[in-house]
N, C-alpha and C. Protein backbone atom coordinates (compact mmCIF):
# COMPACT_ATOMS: atom_id res chain seq x y z
N MET A 1 12.08 -69.98 13.89
CA MET A 1 12.00 -69.12 12.97
C MET A 1 10.69 -68.05 13.42
N ARG A 2 9.38 -69.09 14.06
CA ARG A 2 8.42 -68.34 14.45
C ARG A 2 8.37 -67.31 15.31
N GLY A 3 9.28 -67.96 16.55
CA GLY A 3 9.68 -66.88 17.22
C GLY A 3 10.40 -65.00 16.62
N ALA A 4 10.80 -65.56 15.84
CA ALA A 4 11.85 -64.25 14.92
C ALA A 4 10.74 -63.57 14.70
N LEU A 5 9.80 -64.27 13.92
CA LEU A 5 8.32 -63.46 13.17
C LEU A 5 7.68 -62.74 13.96
N VAL A 6 7.48 -63.32 15.28
CA VAL A 6 6.94 -62.71 16.25
C VAL A 6 7.60 -61.59 16.98
N ALA A 7 9.10 -61.72 17.06
CA ALA A 7 9.86 -60.17 17.18
C ALA A 7 9.62 -59.41 16.11
N VAL A 8 10.10 -60.01 15.64
CA VAL A 8 9.88 -58.73 14.16
C VAL A 8 8.50 -57.74 14.34
N ALA A 9 7.02 -58.57 14.03
CA ALA A 9 5.72 -58.00 14.10
C ALA A 9 5.65 -57.34 15.44
N ALA A 10 6.54 -57.70 16.57
CA ALA A 10 6.67 -56.85 17.95
C ALA A 10 7.22 -55.39 17.70
N VAL A 11 8.22 -55.67 16.56
CA VAL A 11 9.04 -54.02 16.90
C VAL A 11 8.36 -53.26 16.02
N LEU A 12 7.50 -53.67 14.27
CA LEU A 12 6.55 -53.17 13.28
C LEU A 12 5.76 -52.21 14.25
N CYS A 13 4.93 -53.03 15.04
CA CYS A 13 3.88 -53.04 15.97
C CYS A 13 4.03 -51.57 16.96
N LEU A 14 5.26 -51.82 17.75
CA LEU A 14 6.10 -50.87 18.45
C LEU A 14 5.74 -49.56 17.45
N SER A 15 6.70 -49.53 16.82
CA SER A 15 7.49 -48.48 15.82
C SER A 15 5.47 -47.67 15.31
N ALA A 16 4.87 -48.57 14.32
CA ALA A 16 3.71 -48.55 14.24
C ALA A 16 2.75 -46.93 15.35
N CYS A 17 3.08 -47.92 16.39
CA CYS A 17 2.31 -47.36 17.84
C CYS A 17 2.88 -45.53 17.79
N SER A 18 4.38 -46.11 17.57
CA SER A 18 4.71 -44.56 18.56
C SER A 18 4.57 -43.43 16.99
N ALA A 19 4.43 -44.12 15.96
CA ALA A 19 4.52 -42.80 15.10
C ALA A 19 3.66 -42.57 15.41
N GLY A 20 2.03 -43.24 15.37
CA GLY A 20 0.71 -42.31 15.79
C GLY A 20 0.93 -41.77 17.04
N ALA A 21 1.29 -42.38 17.72
CA ALA A 21 1.25 -41.20 19.19
C ALA A 21 1.87 -39.88 19.06
N ASP A 22 3.04 -39.73 18.10
CA ASP A 22 3.62 -38.90 18.06
C ASP A 22 2.73 -37.47 16.87
N ARG A 23 1.98 -38.36 15.89
CA ARG A 23 1.58 -37.43 15.48
C ARG A 23 0.02 -36.28 15.61
N PRO A 24 -0.79 -37.04 17.07
CA PRO A 24 -1.19 -35.62 17.72
C PRO A 24 -0.11 -34.87 18.35
N SER A 25 0.24 -34.66 18.38
CA SER A 25 1.50 -33.68 18.90
C SER A 25 2.18 -32.96 17.72
N VAL A 26 2.52 -33.94 16.81
CA VAL A 26 2.99 -32.43 15.63
C VAL A 26 1.91 -31.93 15.33
N GLN A 27 0.76 -32.56 14.86
CA GLN A 27 -0.67 -31.59 14.68
C GLN A 27 -0.50 -30.54 15.99
N ALA A 28 -0.57 -30.56 17.06
CA ALA A 28 -0.77 -29.98 17.79
C ALA A 28 0.02 -28.69 17.91
N ALA A 29 1.31 -29.21 17.61
CA ALA A 29 2.44 -28.07 17.88
C ALA A 29 2.13 -27.00 16.26
N GLN A 30 1.69 -27.63 15.57
CA GLN A 30 1.56 -26.70 13.81
C GLN A 30 0.80 -25.91 14.20
N GLN A 31 -0.84 -26.66 15.11
CA GLN A 31 -1.31 -25.34 15.18
C GLN A 31 -1.39 -24.10 16.09
N THR A 32 -0.51 -24.72 17.34
CA THR A 32 -0.62 -23.29 18.05
C THR A 32 0.68 -23.07 17.64
N ALA A 33 1.46 -23.66 16.86
CA ALA A 33 2.31 -22.60 16.43
C ALA A 33 2.15 -21.34 16.11
N PRO A 34 3.35 -19.83 16.60
CA PRO A 34 2.50 -18.43 16.30
C PRO A 34 2.85 -18.46 14.98
N ILE A 35 2.38 -17.16 14.40
CA ILE A 35 2.70 -17.08 12.62
C ILE A 35 2.79 -15.12 12.98
N ILE A 36 4.22 -14.81 12.42
CA ILE A 36 4.48 -13.62 12.58
C ILE A 36 4.04 -12.79 11.29
N ALA A 37 3.18 -11.84 11.48
CA ALA A 37 2.32 -10.82 10.63
C ALA A 37 3.55 -9.82 10.40
N PRO A 38 4.11 -9.27 9.20
CA PRO A 38 4.76 -7.94 9.01
C PRO A 38 3.59 -6.76 9.49
N GLY A 39 4.38 -5.94 9.46
CA GLY A 39 3.65 -4.56 10.48
C GLY A 39 3.16 -3.75 9.17
N ARG A 40 2.17 -2.86 9.33
CA ARG A 40 2.45 -1.73 8.35
C ARG A 40 3.33 -0.89 8.39
N PRO A 41 3.80 0.01 7.50
CA PRO A 41 4.79 0.70 7.50
C PRO A 41 5.17 1.30 8.56
N GLY A 42 5.94 1.53 8.78
CA GLY A 42 6.38 2.25 10.48
C GLY A 42 5.96 1.23 11.99
N GLU A 43 5.79 0.62 11.49
CA GLU A 43 4.46 0.04 12.90
C GLU A 43 5.65 -1.76 12.85
N PRO A 44 5.38 -2.41 14.03
CA PRO A 44 5.86 -3.23 14.35
C PRO A 44 5.24 -5.08 13.90
N ALA A 45 6.17 -5.71 13.95
CA ALA A 45 5.52 -6.70 13.54
C ALA A 45 4.70 -7.14 14.38
N ARG A 46 3.32 -8.17 14.53
CA ARG A 46 2.87 -8.96 15.33
C ARG A 46 2.85 -10.64 15.79
N THR A 47 2.51 -10.90 16.36
CA THR A 47 2.50 -12.72 16.22
C THR A 47 0.79 -12.54 16.60
N LEU A 48 0.42 -13.59 15.29
CA LEU A 48 -1.09 -14.16 15.21
C LEU A 48 -1.58 -15.38 15.61
N SER A 49 -2.14 -15.36 16.13
CA SER A 49 -2.53 -17.10 16.85
C SER A 49 -3.42 -17.04 15.61
N PRO A 50 -3.45 -18.76 14.93
CA PRO A 50 -3.77 -19.53 14.16
C PRO A 50 -5.13 -19.50 13.35
N GLY A 51 -5.87 -19.03 14.33
CA GLY A 51 -7.26 -18.58 13.96
C GLY A 51 -7.23 -17.23 13.22
N GLU A 52 -6.65 -16.17 14.33
CA GLU A 52 -6.38 -14.59 13.39
C GLU A 52 -5.23 -14.89 12.57
N ALA A 53 -4.89 -15.17 11.80
CA ALA A 53 -4.36 -15.56 10.34
C ALA A 53 -4.83 -16.40 9.12
N ALA A 54 -6.60 -17.02 10.36
CA ALA A 54 -6.85 -17.89 8.71
C ALA A 54 -7.48 -16.54 8.20
N THR A 55 -8.00 -15.59 9.16
CA THR A 55 -8.83 -14.05 9.01
C THR A 55 -8.19 -13.04 8.34
N ALA A 56 -6.80 -13.28 8.21
CA ALA A 56 -6.06 -12.20 8.13
C ALA A 56 -5.82 -12.14 6.56
N VAL A 57 -5.61 -13.25 5.95
CA VAL A 57 -5.51 -13.41 4.86
C VAL A 57 -5.91 -12.76 3.67
N PRO A 58 -5.61 -12.30 3.05
CA PRO A 58 -5.87 -10.93 1.88
C PRO A 58 -7.33 -11.85 1.12
N SER A 59 -8.07 -11.65 0.64
CA SER A 59 -8.83 -12.01 -0.67
C SER A 59 -9.10 -11.80 -1.59
N PRO A 60 -8.74 -12.48 -3.27
CA PRO A 60 -8.52 -12.25 -4.25
C PRO A 60 -10.06 -10.82 -4.55
N THR A 61 -11.16 -11.17 -3.60
CA THR A 61 -12.88 -10.82 -4.02
C THR A 61 -12.63 -9.26 -3.37
N ALA A 62 -12.61 -8.57 -4.39
CA ALA A 62 -12.72 -7.11 -4.08
C ALA A 62 -14.06 -6.74 -3.06
N ASN A 63 -13.96 -5.39 -2.29
CA ASN A 63 -15.39 -5.15 -1.85
C ASN A 63 -15.07 -2.97 -2.17
N ALA A 64 -16.25 -3.23 -1.67
CA ALA A 64 -16.71 -0.99 -2.20
C ALA A 64 -15.23 -0.34 -1.16
N ALA A 65 -15.04 -0.60 -0.53
CA ALA A 65 -13.89 -0.54 0.32
C ALA A 65 -12.32 0.11 -0.64
N ASP A 66 -12.06 -1.37 -1.74
CA ASP A 66 -11.18 -1.29 -2.36
C ASP A 66 -11.71 -0.92 -4.00
N VAL A 67 -12.67 -0.42 -4.12
CA VAL A 67 -13.38 0.29 -5.08
C VAL A 67 -13.06 1.98 -5.24
N GLU A 68 -14.10 1.65 -3.81
CA GLU A 68 -13.49 3.78 -3.21
C GLU A 68 -11.96 4.30 -3.67
N TYR A 69 -11.27 3.05 -2.96
CA TYR A 69 -9.72 3.50 -2.79
C TYR A 69 -9.14 4.13 -4.07
N VAL A 70 -9.62 2.56 -4.97
CA VAL A 70 -8.73 3.13 -6.52
C VAL A 70 -9.54 3.47 -6.83
N GLN A 71 -10.61 4.40 -7.10
CA GLN A 71 -11.29 5.51 -7.29
C GLN A 71 -10.65 6.74 -7.22
N ASP A 72 -10.76 6.93 -6.00
CA ASP A 72 -10.03 8.52 -5.60
C ASP A 72 -8.68 8.82 -5.66
N MET A 73 -8.13 7.25 -5.50
CA MET A 73 -6.54 7.99 -5.50
C MET A 73 -6.56 7.94 -7.13
N ILE A 74 -7.06 7.21 -7.75
CA ILE A 74 -6.56 7.77 -9.28
C ILE A 74 -6.78 9.17 -9.73
N VAL A 75 -7.92 9.85 -9.19
CA VAL A 75 -7.81 11.44 -8.58
C VAL A 75 -7.13 12.05 -8.34
N HIS A 76 -6.46 11.38 -7.41
CA HIS A 76 -5.13 11.96 -6.34
C HIS A 76 -4.33 11.94 -6.66
N HIS A 77 -3.57 10.95 -7.67
CA HIS A 77 -2.56 10.77 -8.10
C HIS A 77 -2.96 11.98 -9.18
N ARG A 78 -4.12 11.97 -10.22
CA ARG A 78 -3.77 12.81 -10.91
C ARG A 78 -3.55 14.20 -10.67
N GLN A 79 -3.63 14.67 -9.53
CA GLN A 79 -3.39 16.13 -9.19
C GLN A 79 -1.92 15.82 -8.71
N ALA A 80 -1.66 14.76 -8.70
CA ALA A 80 0.30 14.86 -7.91
C ALA A 80 0.91 15.21 -9.68
N LEU A 81 0.38 14.65 -10.21
CA LEU A 81 0.86 14.50 -12.10
C LEU A 81 0.98 16.50 -12.82
N ASP A 82 -0.66 16.68 -12.29
CA ASP A 82 -0.45 18.36 -12.31
C ASP A 82 0.02 18.87 -11.57
N MET A 83 0.65 19.04 -10.64
CA MET A 83 1.81 19.60 -9.77
C MET A 83 2.65 19.34 -9.96
N ALA A 84 3.52 18.02 -10.55
CA ALA A 84 4.70 17.73 -10.94
C ALA A 84 5.05 18.02 -12.06
N SER A 85 3.63 18.23 -13.11
CA SER A 85 4.29 18.71 -14.82
C SER A 85 4.73 20.04 -14.18
N LEU A 86 4.33 21.31 -13.12
CA LEU A 86 4.50 22.54 -13.33
C LEU A 86 6.19 22.72 -13.27
N ALA A 87 6.55 21.64 -12.13
CA ALA A 87 7.86 21.68 -11.72
C ALA A 87 8.85 22.17 -13.14
N PRO A 88 9.43 21.37 -14.11
CA PRO A 88 10.18 22.12 -15.14
C PRO A 88 10.45 23.21 -15.13
N GLU A 89 9.19 24.14 -15.38
CA GLU A 89 9.35 25.33 -15.57
C GLU A 89 9.57 26.55 -14.91
N ARG A 90 8.78 26.17 -13.65
CA ARG A 90 8.64 26.93 -12.69
C ARG A 90 9.48 26.73 -11.57
N ALA A 91 10.48 25.41 -11.21
CA ALA A 91 10.84 25.35 -10.61
C ALA A 91 12.31 25.55 -10.53
N ARG A 92 13.51 26.26 -9.47
CA ARG A 92 14.43 27.05 -9.62
C ARG A 92 15.63 25.99 -8.91
N ASN A 93 15.10 25.58 -8.17
CA ASN A 93 15.72 24.16 -7.10
C ASN A 93 15.89 22.72 -7.84
N ALA A 94 17.07 22.48 -8.16
CA ALA A 94 16.86 20.89 -9.03
C ALA A 94 16.83 20.04 -8.42
N LYS A 95 16.95 19.76 -7.05
CA LYS A 95 16.02 18.55 -6.35
C LYS A 95 14.55 18.79 -6.68
N VAL A 96 14.14 19.62 -6.18
CA VAL A 96 12.67 19.90 -6.42
C VAL A 96 12.05 19.52 -7.86
N LYS A 97 13.11 19.65 -8.80
CA LYS A 97 12.95 19.23 -10.34
C LYS A 97 12.91 17.65 -10.19
N GLY A 98 13.74 16.89 -10.08
CA GLY A 98 13.75 15.67 -9.83
C GLY A 98 13.18 14.75 -8.80
N LEU A 99 12.75 15.77 -7.87
CA LEU A 99 11.57 14.69 -7.28
C LEU A 99 10.43 14.94 -8.12
N ALA A 100 9.97 16.14 -8.34
CA ALA A 100 8.93 16.32 -9.31
C ALA A 100 9.33 15.06 -10.30
N ALA A 101 10.12 14.53 -11.18
CA ALA A 101 10.38 13.85 -12.68
C ALA A 101 9.71 12.22 -11.48
N ARG A 102 10.69 12.73 -10.22
CA ARG A 102 10.03 11.04 -9.52
C ARG A 102 8.78 10.72 -9.84
N ILE A 103 8.42 11.53 -8.85
CA ILE A 103 6.63 11.39 -8.79
C ILE A 103 5.91 11.34 -9.83
N LYS A 104 6.16 11.94 -10.92
CA LYS A 104 5.57 11.38 -12.52
C LYS A 104 5.98 10.04 -12.41
N ASP A 105 7.04 9.52 -12.94
CA ASP A 105 7.76 8.14 -13.19
C ASP A 105 6.55 7.46 -12.15
N ALA A 106 6.52 7.34 -10.78
CA ALA A 106 6.34 6.18 -9.90
C ALA A 106 4.26 6.76 -10.49
N GLN A 107 3.76 7.14 -10.35
CA GLN A 107 2.58 8.08 -10.39
C GLN A 107 1.80 7.84 -11.47
N GLY A 108 2.37 7.70 -12.69
CA GLY A 108 1.77 7.71 -13.98
C GLY A 108 1.16 6.25 -14.19
N PRO A 109 2.56 5.08 -13.93
CA PRO A 109 2.00 3.91 -14.35
C PRO A 109 1.01 3.54 -13.28
N GLU A 110 1.19 3.67 -12.39
CA GLU A 110 0.12 3.52 -10.76
C GLU A 110 -1.69 3.58 -11.21
N ILE A 111 -1.78 4.90 -11.97
CA ILE A 111 -2.98 5.24 -12.31
C ILE A 111 -3.34 4.21 -13.67
N GLN A 112 -2.71 4.12 -14.37
CA GLN A 112 -2.94 2.99 -15.61
C GLN A 112 -2.79 1.34 -14.81
N TYR A 113 -2.25 1.45 -13.97
CA TYR A 113 -2.30 -0.26 -12.79
C TYR A 113 -3.80 -0.37 -12.46
N MET A 114 -4.13 1.41 -11.56
CA MET A 114 -5.79 1.16 -11.34
C MET A 114 -6.47 1.18 -11.71
N ALA A 115 -6.35 1.92 -13.01
CA ALA A 115 -7.34 2.21 -14.27
C ALA A 115 -8.10 0.81 -14.89
N ALA A 116 -7.04 -0.19 -15.25
CA ALA A 116 -6.46 -1.77 -15.21
C ALA A 116 -7.55 -2.19 -14.21
N TRP A 117 -7.57 -2.54 -13.44
CA TRP A 117 -8.01 -2.86 -12.01
C TRP A 117 -9.71 -3.02 -12.04
N LEU A 118 -9.83 -1.32 -11.97
CA LEU A 118 -10.99 -1.18 -11.95
C LEU A 118 -11.71 -1.98 -13.30
N GLN A 119 -11.54 -1.81 -14.67
CA GLN A 119 -11.83 -2.12 -15.55
C GLN A 119 -12.13 -3.79 -15.61
N GLN A 120 -11.11 -4.76 -14.67
CA GLN A 120 -10.66 -6.17 -14.54
C GLN A 120 -12.21 -6.22 -13.83
N GLN A 121 -12.39 -5.68 -12.31
CA GLN A 121 -14.02 -5.62 -11.92
C GLN A 121 -15.21 -5.04 -12.22
N GLY A 122 -15.30 -4.56 -13.37
CA GLY A 122 -16.15 -4.04 -14.05
C GLY A 122 -16.88 -2.66 -13.35
N GLN A 123 -15.76 -2.30 -12.72
CA GLN A 123 -16.50 -0.64 -12.43
C GLN A 123 -15.82 0.51 -13.01
N ARG A 124 -16.59 1.60 -12.74
CA ARG A 124 -15.87 3.09 -13.67
C ARG A 124 -15.04 3.55 -12.66
N VAL A 125 -13.90 4.15 -13.80
CA VAL A 125 -12.68 4.42 -13.73
C VAL A 125 -13.44 5.86 -14.00
N PRO A 126 -13.12 6.92 -12.96
CA PRO A 126 -12.97 8.28 -13.01
C PRO A 126 -12.93 8.52 -14.23
N ASP A 127 -13.52 9.91 -14.68
CA ASP A 127 -13.50 10.37 -15.70
C ASP A 127 -11.79 11.63 -15.72
N GLN A 128 -11.61 11.96 -16.72
CA GLN A 128 -10.17 12.40 -16.48
C GLN A 128 -10.17 14.20 -15.79
N HIS A 129 -11.61 14.91 -16.48
CA HIS A 129 -11.91 15.99 -15.07
C HIS A 129 -13.12 15.71 -14.43
N GLY A 130 -14.13 15.01 -14.68
CA GLY A 130 -15.36 14.99 -14.53
C GLY A 130 -15.59 14.84 -12.87
N ASP A 131 -14.59 14.02 -11.97
CA ASP A 131 -14.87 13.99 -10.52
C ASP A 131 -13.65 14.98 -9.99
N HIS A 132 -13.21 15.98 -10.34
CA HIS A 132 -12.70 17.34 -9.36
C HIS A 132 -13.73 17.66 -8.19
N ALA A 133 -14.94 17.14 -8.78
CA ALA A 133 -16.11 18.21 -7.71
C ALA A 133 -15.57 17.46 -6.23
N ALA A 134 -15.12 16.06 -6.34
CA ALA A 134 -14.95 15.07 -5.18
C ALA A 134 -13.44 15.49 -4.41
N MET A 135 -12.94 16.71 -5.15
CA MET A 135 -11.43 16.72 -4.63
C MET A 135 -11.51 17.18 -3.19
N PRO A 136 -12.39 17.93 -2.91
CA PRO A 136 -12.11 18.63 -1.12
C PRO A 136 -12.52 17.65 -0.50
N SER A 137 -12.99 16.46 -0.62
CA SER A 137 -13.50 15.14 0.43
C SER A 137 -12.48 13.92 0.47
N MET A 138 -11.18 14.58 -0.34
CA MET A 138 -10.12 13.56 0.00
C MET A 138 -8.93 14.14 0.35
N PRO A 139 -8.50 13.58 1.74
CA PRO A 139 -7.24 13.90 2.19
C PRO A 139 -5.88 14.54 1.44
N GLY A 140 -5.72 15.32 1.90
CA GLY A 140 -4.52 15.92 1.39
C GLY A 140 -4.89 16.97 0.12
N MET A 141 -5.95 16.60 -1.10
CA MET A 141 -5.86 17.68 -1.83
C MET A 141 -5.29 19.18 -2.25
N ALA A 142 -5.25 19.45 -3.39
CA ALA A 142 -5.28 21.41 -3.16
C ALA A 142 -6.30 21.50 -3.41
N THR A 143 -6.58 22.63 -3.14
CA THR A 143 -7.63 23.46 -3.75
C THR A 143 -7.46 24.49 -4.90
N PRO A 144 -8.63 24.74 -5.69
CA PRO A 144 -8.28 25.33 -6.43
C PRO A 144 -7.56 26.60 -5.91
N GLU A 145 -7.91 27.37 -5.45
CA GLU A 145 -7.25 28.10 -5.18
C GLU A 145 -5.86 27.78 -4.86
N GLN A 146 -5.61 26.82 -4.06
CA GLN A 146 -4.00 26.58 -4.14
C GLN A 146 -3.32 26.61 -5.51
N MET A 147 -4.11 25.24 -6.14
CA MET A 147 -2.98 25.32 -7.63
C MET A 147 -2.98 26.26 -8.59
N ALA A 148 -3.72 27.39 -8.04
CA ALA A 148 -3.81 28.28 -9.00
C ALA A 148 -2.21 29.01 -8.25
N ALA A 149 -2.28 28.93 -7.26
CA ALA A 149 -1.54 29.74 -6.66
C ALA A 149 0.17 29.14 -6.91
N LEU A 150 -0.03 27.66 -7.03
CA LEU A 150 1.23 27.48 -7.62
C LEU A 150 1.30 27.48 -9.16
N ARG A 151 0.41 27.71 -9.56
CA ARG A 151 0.89 27.83 -11.40
C ARG A 151 1.14 29.27 -11.65
N ALA A 152 0.96 29.98 -10.43
CA ALA A 152 1.39 31.51 -10.92
C ALA A 152 2.79 31.54 -10.42
N ALA A 153 3.08 31.10 -9.32
CA ALA A 153 4.67 30.95 -8.73
C ALA A 153 5.52 30.68 -9.61
N SER A 154 6.52 30.96 -9.43
CA SER A 154 7.76 30.55 -10.07
C SER A 154 9.21 30.66 -9.24
N GLY A 155 10.27 30.21 -9.76
CA GLY A 155 11.49 30.05 -8.59
C GLY A 155 11.62 29.57 -6.91
N GLU A 156 11.86 30.26 -6.30
CA GLU A 156 11.96 29.69 -4.82
C GLU A 156 10.80 29.99 -4.59
N ASP A 157 9.66 30.20 -4.51
CA ASP A 157 8.50 30.60 -4.42
C ASP A 157 7.79 29.28 -4.95
N PHE A 158 8.07 29.12 -6.11
CA PHE A 158 7.85 27.61 -6.41
C PHE A 158 7.90 26.39 -5.78
N ASP A 159 8.94 26.54 -5.63
CA ASP A 159 9.86 25.39 -5.05
C ASP A 159 8.71 25.13 -3.45
N ARG A 160 8.92 26.20 -2.76
CA ARG A 160 8.71 25.90 -1.02
C ARG A 160 7.30 25.72 -0.90
N LEU A 161 6.15 26.57 -2.29
CA LEU A 161 4.87 26.19 -2.36
C LEU A 161 4.63 24.61 -2.48
N PHE A 162 5.54 23.96 -3.45
CA PHE A 162 5.23 22.51 -4.31
C PHE A 162 5.77 21.81 -3.16
N LEU A 163 6.69 22.01 -2.88
CA LEU A 163 6.95 20.77 -1.22
C LEU A 163 5.74 20.83 -0.17
N GLU A 164 5.11 21.86 0.10
CA GLU A 164 4.87 22.22 1.01
C GLU A 164 2.75 21.86 0.75
N LEU A 165 2.92 21.71 -0.46
CA LEU A 165 1.35 20.98 -0.75
C LEU A 165 1.55 19.57 -0.71
N MET A 166 2.97 19.24 -2.42
CA MET A 166 2.99 17.64 -2.06
C MET A 166 3.16 17.33 -1.11
N THR A 167 3.67 17.76 0.22
CA THR A 167 4.17 16.98 1.45
C THR A 167 2.07 16.72 1.82
N ALA A 168 1.87 17.94 2.32
CA ALA A 168 0.44 17.92 2.41
C ALA A 168 -0.64 16.49 1.64
N HIS A 169 -0.44 16.26 0.51
CA HIS A 169 -0.71 15.46 -0.49
C HIS A 169 -0.83 14.24 -0.54
N HIS A 170 0.46 14.00 0.02
CA HIS A 170 1.43 12.54 0.09
C HIS A 170 0.58 12.22 1.60
N ARG A 171 0.88 12.83 2.41
CA ARG A 171 0.07 12.74 3.94
C ARG A 171 -1.44 12.00 3.27
N GLY A 172 -2.28 12.61 2.96
CA GLY A 172 -3.21 12.48 2.62
C GLY A 172 -3.39 11.11 2.02
N ALA A 173 -2.80 10.34 1.13
CA ALA A 173 -2.38 9.53 0.60
C ALA A 173 -2.01 8.32 1.35
N LEU A 174 -1.21 8.88 2.52
CA LEU A 174 -1.32 7.75 3.14
C LEU A 174 -2.25 7.42 4.25
N THR A 175 -3.28 8.93 4.51
CA THR A 175 -4.37 8.19 5.17
C THR A 175 -5.31 7.52 4.74
N MET A 176 -5.45 7.72 3.14
CA MET A 176 -6.27 7.05 2.44
C MET A 176 -5.91 5.54 2.25
N SER A 177 -4.24 5.41 2.35
CA SER A 177 -3.83 3.94 2.16
C SER A 177 -4.23 3.18 3.20
N GLU A 178 -3.93 4.06 4.57
CA GLU A 178 -3.98 3.29 5.84
C GLU A 178 -5.68 3.10 6.23
N GLN A 179 -6.53 3.44 5.32
CA GLN A 179 -8.12 2.63 5.91
C GLN A 179 -8.21 1.66 4.90
N VAL A 180 -7.54 2.07 3.70
CA VAL A 180 -8.05 0.71 2.72
C VAL A 180 -7.73 -0.92 3.47
N LEU A 181 -6.23 -0.19 4.14
CA LEU A 181 -5.72 -1.79 4.72
C LEU A 181 -7.03 -1.89 6.19
N VAL A 182 -7.72 -1.05 6.47
CA VAL A 182 -8.53 -1.89 7.38
C VAL A 182 -9.64 -2.33 6.99
N ASP A 183 -10.31 -1.94 5.86
CA ASP A 183 -11.50 -1.97 5.19
C ASP A 183 -11.60 -2.92 4.15
N GLY A 184 -10.46 -2.67 3.33
CA GLY A 184 -10.94 -3.13 2.20
C GLY A 184 -10.42 -4.93 2.46
N SER A 185 -10.23 -5.64 0.93
CA SER A 185 -9.95 -6.99 1.27
C SER A 185 -9.18 -7.84 -0.48
N HIS A 186 -9.71 -7.21 -1.17
CA HIS A 186 -8.81 -7.57 -2.35
C HIS A 186 -6.89 -7.68 -2.11
N ILE A 187 -6.30 -8.78 -2.11
CA ILE A 187 -4.83 -8.75 -1.99
C ILE A 187 -4.17 -7.71 -2.71
N LYS A 188 -4.51 -7.47 -4.15
CA LYS A 188 -3.71 -6.08 -4.83
C LYS A 188 -4.18 -5.05 -4.32
N ILE A 189 -5.15 -4.83 -3.63
CA ILE A 189 -5.17 -3.40 -3.58
C ILE A 189 -4.57 -3.12 -2.43
N GLU A 190 -3.89 -4.26 -1.07
CA GLU A 190 -3.59 -4.32 0.04
C GLU A 190 -1.79 -3.90 -0.66
N GLU A 191 -1.88 -4.72 -1.35
CA GLU A 191 -0.14 -4.64 -1.98
C GLU A 191 -0.06 -3.29 -2.86
N LEU A 192 -0.59 -2.57 -3.11
CA LEU A 192 -0.64 -1.18 -3.88
C LEU A 192 -0.73 -0.68 -2.92
N ALA A 193 -1.74 -0.67 -1.33
CA ALA A 193 -1.46 0.47 -0.48
C ALA A 193 -0.42 0.36 0.04
N ASN A 194 -0.04 -0.40 0.22
CA ASN A 194 1.25 -0.68 1.04
C ASN A 194 2.76 -0.22 0.20
N GLU A 195 2.67 -0.97 -1.27
CA GLU A 195 3.60 0.20 -1.92
C GLU A 195 3.51 1.91 -2.00
N VAL A 196 2.49 2.12 -1.90
CA VAL A 196 2.10 3.36 -1.77
C VAL A 196 1.90 4.36 -0.63
N SER A 197 2.17 3.66 0.51
CA SER A 197 2.46 4.13 1.83
C SER A 197 3.93 4.18 1.95
N VAL A 198 4.82 3.08 1.18
CA VAL A 198 6.16 3.31 1.88
C VAL A 198 7.08 4.11 0.81
N GLY A 199 6.52 4.33 -0.86
CA GLY A 199 6.85 5.14 -1.17
C GLY A 199 6.90 6.24 -1.04
N GLN A 200 5.66 7.03 -0.67
CA GLN A 200 5.36 8.20 -0.30
C GLN A 200 5.82 9.05 0.94
N THR A 201 5.79 7.77 2.19
CA THR A 201 6.99 8.38 3.17
C THR A 201 7.76 8.67 2.96
N ALA A 202 8.57 7.64 2.26
CA ALA A 202 10.33 8.64 1.78
C ALA A 202 10.37 9.46 0.85
N GLU A 203 9.34 9.55 0.17
CA GLU A 203 9.23 11.26 -0.35
C GLU A 203 8.86 12.31 0.38
N ILE A 204 8.25 12.04 1.46
CA ILE A 204 7.62 13.08 2.46
C ILE A 204 9.03 13.39 3.08
N ASN A 205 9.66 12.24 3.49
CA ASN A 205 10.98 12.67 4.66
C ASN A 205 11.96 13.36 3.27
N ARG A 206 11.87 13.26 1.80
CA ARG A 206 13.02 14.00 1.15
C ARG A 206 12.42 15.40 1.29
N MET A 207 11.24 15.35 1.15
CA MET A 207 10.74 17.05 0.96
C MET A 207 10.78 17.51 2.30
N ARG A 208 11.13 17.11 3.23
CA ARG A 208 11.64 18.12 4.36
C ARG A 208 12.55 17.97 4.56
N GLU A 209 13.77 17.32 3.88
CA GLU A 209 15.40 17.95 3.98
C GLU A 209 15.35 18.72 2.72
N ILE A 210 14.35 18.62 1.64
CA ILE A 210 14.66 19.91 0.41
C ILE A 210 14.37 20.92 1.19
N LEU A 211 13.09 21.39 2.00
CA LEU A 211 12.12 22.18 2.25
C LEU A 211 13.12 22.97 3.11
N ALA A 212 13.85 21.96 4.45
CA ALA A 212 15.06 22.67 5.34
C ALA A 212 16.09 23.13 4.60
N GLY A 213 16.52 22.76 3.43
CA GLY A 213 17.35 23.74 2.82
C GLY A 213 17.12 24.51 2.22
N LEU A 214 16.17 25.30 1.88
CA LEU A 214 15.94 26.44 0.80
C LEU A 214 15.88 27.77 1.38
């Protein structure tokens, strides 16, 4: 009987030792396992080391780049809505009218979301008209002269000018979004910038198609 107990104890000891010996190798495998990070719109995914992955996780804390991006993007979006609001009466092409309606449907709620986020952060929400002086410094913004020309145009002239100005406007939004993805820290703003990039890239491609058919 005693011999049997010794044998059982020996088996248990071997099992425990084996499990203990395996544990470091499992941990090492977990620590060295590659982590795949999705790329930005149009870019491939890349492999991160565990050390890179630890610092690549967005923070719930906002920094100055996040706040500036959101404040500027509200002003940027408002001009897009001003441009889109002209289409129902001035555009001739039904596709241009449909595109303008989609821009209003997408960017109107985004403005509300961004304004609420700024308020949550205790930051200033841009005044409806008081920040127009900052427009020229933002990528893609139409100048006052270009906006006046758009308001004066109609028919096919409006369609063409609207598509040209809005394409430039969207490209500016992509530039701003790319920058905050590099400099920002807040996870919600990273998500927003990615959504803006994906949505407006698709609309740029759509506008190119429409413009080619005019």
